[in-house]
Amino acid sequence: MSNHIILFCTCPDQNTASSIAHTLIGENFAACVNILPGLTSVYRWQDRIETAQEYLLLVKTRRDIYPQVERCIQEAHPYELPEIVAVSVEHALPEYLKWIDSCLSK
């Protein structure tokens, strides 16, 4: 199994998304963060069904630095309970994975 992960995180606005993305890259916690605008989220919160326009972050990083990534996002995120979900990379271009490694904290 690869040590590489893609982390999903929703943000309430462009400024929050951009700020978190730049912090993750600046701290060498992520090699790349894609910001996808125009996301509509429908979810249950405090026994109510909510709908919100959000921005989705796709964070390319490694499992071994997940704790730092999670802490960084939690410190910068305005939500009481931010979405921070990581999934394993099963297959990827080996050169791309090497590039990710070259960008991250050792």
C-alpha atoms as a PDB file:
ATOM      1  CA  MET A   1       0.000   0.000   0.000  1.00  0.00           C
ATOM      2  CA  SER A   2       1.207   3.468  -0.871  1.00  0.00           C
ATOM      3  CA  ASN A   3       2.076   5.978   1.834  1.00  0.00           C
ATOM      4  CA  HIS A   4       0.402   8.654  -0.293  1.00  0.00           C
ATOM      5  CA  ILE A   5      -3.068  10.028   0.403  1.00  0.00           C
ATOM      6  CA  ILE A   6      -5.518  12.528  -1.015  1.00  0.00           C
ATOM      7  CA  LEU A   7      -7.291  14.535   1.644  1.00  0.00           C
ATOM      8  CA  PHE A   8     -10.710  16.126   1.123  1.00  0.00           C
ATOM      9  CA  CYS A   9     -11.668  19.276   2.990  1.00  0.00           C
ATOM     10  CA  THR A  10     -14.616  21.588   2.364  1.00  0.00           C
ATOM     11  CA  CYS A  11     -14.341  25.316   3.039  1.00  0.00           C
ATOM     12  CA  PRO A  12     -17.036  27.997   3.306  1.00  0.00           C
ATOM     13  CA  ASP A  13     -15.422  30.479   0.895  1.00  0.00           C
ATOM     14  CA  GLN A  14     -12.575  31.164  -1.530  1.00  0.00           C
ATOM     15  CA  ASN A  15     -10.485  33.090   1.013  1.00  0.00           C
ATOM     16  CA  THR A  16     -10.525  30.245   3.544  1.00  0.00           C
ATOM     17  CA  ALA A  17      -9.769  27.669   0.853  1.00  0.00           C
ATOM     18  CA  SER A  18      -6.887  29.722  -0.550  1.00  0.00           C
ATOM     19  CA  SER A  19      -5.467  30.490   2.882  1.00  0.00           C
ATOM     20  CA  ILE A  20      -5.457  26.832   3.950  1.00  0.00           C
ATOM     21  CA  ALA A  21      -3.996  25.726   0.595  1.00  0.00           C
ATOM     22  CA  HIS A  22      -1.172  28.267   0.784  1.00  0.00           C
ATOM     23  CA  THR A  23      -0.400  27.359   4.388  1.00  0.00           C
ATOM     24  CA  LEU A  24      -0.224  23.638   3.589  1.00  0.00           C
ATOM     25  CA  ILE A  25       2.102  24.257   0.645  1.00  0.00           C
ATOM     26  CA  GLY A  26       4.183  26.807   2.566  1.00  0.00           C
ATOM     27  CA  GLU A  27       4.704  24.409   5.484  1.00  0.00           C
ATOM     28  CA  ASN A  28       5.636  21.561   3.106  1.00  0.00           C
ATOM     29  CA  PHE A  29       2.636  19.548   4.319  1.00  0.00           C
ATOM     30  CA  ALA A  30       1.228  19.166   0.788  1.00  0.00           C
ATOM     31  CA  ALA A  31       2.732  18.965  -2.681  1.00  0.00           C
ATOM     32  CA  CYS A  32      -0.413  20.265  -4.380  1.00  0.00           C
ATOM     33  CA  VAL A  33      -3.816  21.513  -3.294  1.00  0.00           C
ATOM     34  CA  ASN A  34      -6.610  21.805  -5.844  1.00  0.00           C
ATOM     35  CA  ILE A  35      -9.404  24.219  -5.029  1.00  0.00           C
ATOM     36  CA  LEU A  36     -12.712  23.285  -6.639  1.00  0.00           C
ATOM     37  CA  PRO A  37     -15.363  26.045  -6.474  1.00  0.00           C
ATOM     38  CA  GLY A  38     -19.090  25.730  -6.949  1.00  0.00           C
ATOM     39  CA  LEU A  39     -19.674  22.761  -4.670  1.00  0.00           C
ATOM     40  CA  THR A  40     -23.144  22.372  -3.200  1.00  0.00           C
ATOM     41  CA  SER A  41     -23.179  20.360   0.020  1.00  0.00           C
ATOM     42  CA  VAL A  42     -26.322  18.897   1.546  1.00  0.00           C
ATOM     43  CA  TYR A  43     -25.764  17.522   5.041  1.00  0.00           C
ATOM     44  CA  ARG A  44     -27.301  16.922   8.441  1.00  0.00           C
ATOM     45  CA  TRP A  45     -26.105  19.221  11.230  1.00  0.00           C
ATOM     46  CA  GLN A  46     -27.676  19.442  14.689  1.00  0.00           C
ATOM     47  CA  ASP A  47     -30.791  17.542  13.576  1.00  0.00           C
ATOM     48  CA  ARG A  48     -31.406  19.820  10.587  1.00  0.00           C
ATOM     49  CA  ILE A  49     -30.820  19.301   6.897  1.00  0.00           C
ATOM     50  CA  GLU A  50     -28.535  22.077   5.674  1.00  0.00           C
ATOM     51  CA  THR A  51     -27.436  23.188   2.206  1.00  0.00           C
ATOM     52  CA  ALA A  52     -24.303  25.261   1.665  1.00  0.00           C
ATOM     53  CA  GLN A  53     -22.150  26.498  -1.192  1.00  0.00           C
ATOM     54  CA  GLU A  54     -18.577  25.421  -0.479  1.00  0.00           C
ATOM     55  CA  TYR A  55     -15.114  25.020  -1.947  1.00  0.00           C
ATOM     56  CA  LEU A  56     -13.463  21.601  -1.964  1.00  0.00           C
ATOM     57  CA  LEU A  57      -9.760  21.160  -1.295  1.00  0.00           C
ATOM     58  CA  LEU A  58      -7.987  18.110  -2.743  1.00  0.00           C
ATOM     59  CA  VAL A  59      -4.722  17.842  -0.830  1.00  0.00           C
ATOM     60  CA  LYS A  60      -1.929  15.605  -2.136  1.00  0.00           C
ATOM     61  CA  THR A  61       0.232  14.456   0.760  1.00  0.00           C
ATOM     62  CA  ARG A  62       1.490  11.401   2.662  1.00  0.00           C
ATOM     63  CA  ARG A  63       0.003   9.299   5.426  1.00  0.00           C
ATOM     64  CA  ASP A  64       3.031   9.805   7.705  1.00  0.00           C
ATOM     65  CA  ILE A  65       2.472  13.568   7.914  1.00  0.00           C
ATOM     66  CA  TYR A  66      -1.326  13.377   8.166  1.00  0.00           C
ATOM     67  CA  PRO A  67      -1.296  14.494  11.845  1.00  0.00           C
ATOM     68  CA  GLN A  68       0.455  17.763  10.915  1.00  0.00           C
ATOM     69  CA  VAL A  69      -1.896  18.330   7.983  1.00  0.00           C
ATOM     70  CA  GLU A  70      -4.948  17.717  10.164  1.00  0.00           C
ATOM     71  CA  ARG A  71      -3.698  20.068  12.886  1.00  0.00           C
ATOM     72  CA  CYS A  72      -2.855  22.774  10.336  1.00  0.00           C
ATOM     73  CA  ILE A  73      -6.348  22.620   8.820  1.00  0.00           C
ATOM     74  CA  GLN A  74      -8.102  22.579  12.191  1.00  0.00           C
ATOM     75  CA  GLU A  75      -6.170  25.647  13.366  1.00  0.00           C
ATOM     76  CA  ALA A  76      -7.083  27.630  10.234  1.00  0.00           C
ATOM     77  CA  HIS A  77     -10.624  26.376   9.593  1.00  0.00           C
ATOM     78  CA  PRO A  78     -13.669  28.385  10.740  1.00  0.00           C
ATOM     79  CA  TYR A  79     -16.029  25.379  10.994  1.00  0.00           C
ATOM     80  CA  GLU A  80     -16.722  23.852  14.391  1.00  0.00           C
ATOM     81  CA  LEU A  81     -16.316  20.427  12.755  1.00  0.00           C
ATOM     82  CA  PRO A  82     -14.391  20.660   9.467  1.00  0.00           C
ATOM     83  CA  GLU A  83     -14.510  17.855   6.953  1.00  0.00           C
ATOM     84  CA  ILE A  84     -11.047  16.285   6.931  1.00  0.00           C
ATOM     85  CA  VAL A  85     -11.132  12.911   5.179  1.00  0.00           C
ATOM     86  CA  ALA A  86      -8.116  11.115   3.724  1.00  0.00           C
ATOM     87  CA  VAL A  87      -8.169   8.277   1.211  1.00  0.00           C
ATOM     88  CA  SER A  88      -5.274   6.069   0.174  1.00  0.00           C
ATOM     89  CA  VAL A  89      -3.744   6.342  -3.267  1.00  0.00           C
ATOM     90  CA  GLU A  90      -3.950   2.819  -4.667  1.00  0.00           C
ATOM     91  CA  HIS A  91      -2.245   3.447  -8.001  1.00  0.00           C
ATOM     92  CA  ALA A  92      -0.399   6.434  -9.425  1.00  0.00           C
ATOM     93  CA  LEU A  93       2.339   7.342 -11.828  1.00  0.00           C
ATOM     94  CA  PRO A  94       5.546   6.544  -9.886  1.00  0.00           C
ATOM     95  CA  GLU A  95       7.199   9.767 -11.019  1.00  0.00           C
ATOM     96  CA  TYR A  96       4.233  11.754  -9.680  1.00  0.00           C
ATOM     97  CA  LEU A  97       4.555  10.072  -6.278  1.00  0.00           C
ATOM     98  CA  LYS A  98       8.281  10.865  -6.247  1.00  0.00           C
ATOM     99  CA  TRP A  99       7.458  14.487  -6.996  1.00  0.00           C
ATOM    100  CA  ILE A 100       5.012  14.567  -4.054  1.00  0.00           C
ATOM    101  CA  ASP A 101       7.737  13.151  -1.806  1.00  0.00           C
ATOM    102  CA  SER A 102      10.224  15.762  -2.990  1.00  0.00           C
ATOM    103  CA  CYS A 103       7.840  18.571  -1.956  1.00  0.00           C
ATOM    104  CA  LEU A 104       6.982  17.393   1.537  1.00  0.00           C
ATOM    105  CA  SER A 105       8.549  17.686   4.972  1.00  0.00           C
ATOM    106  CA  LYS A 106      10.980  14.903   5.645  1.00  0.00           C
END
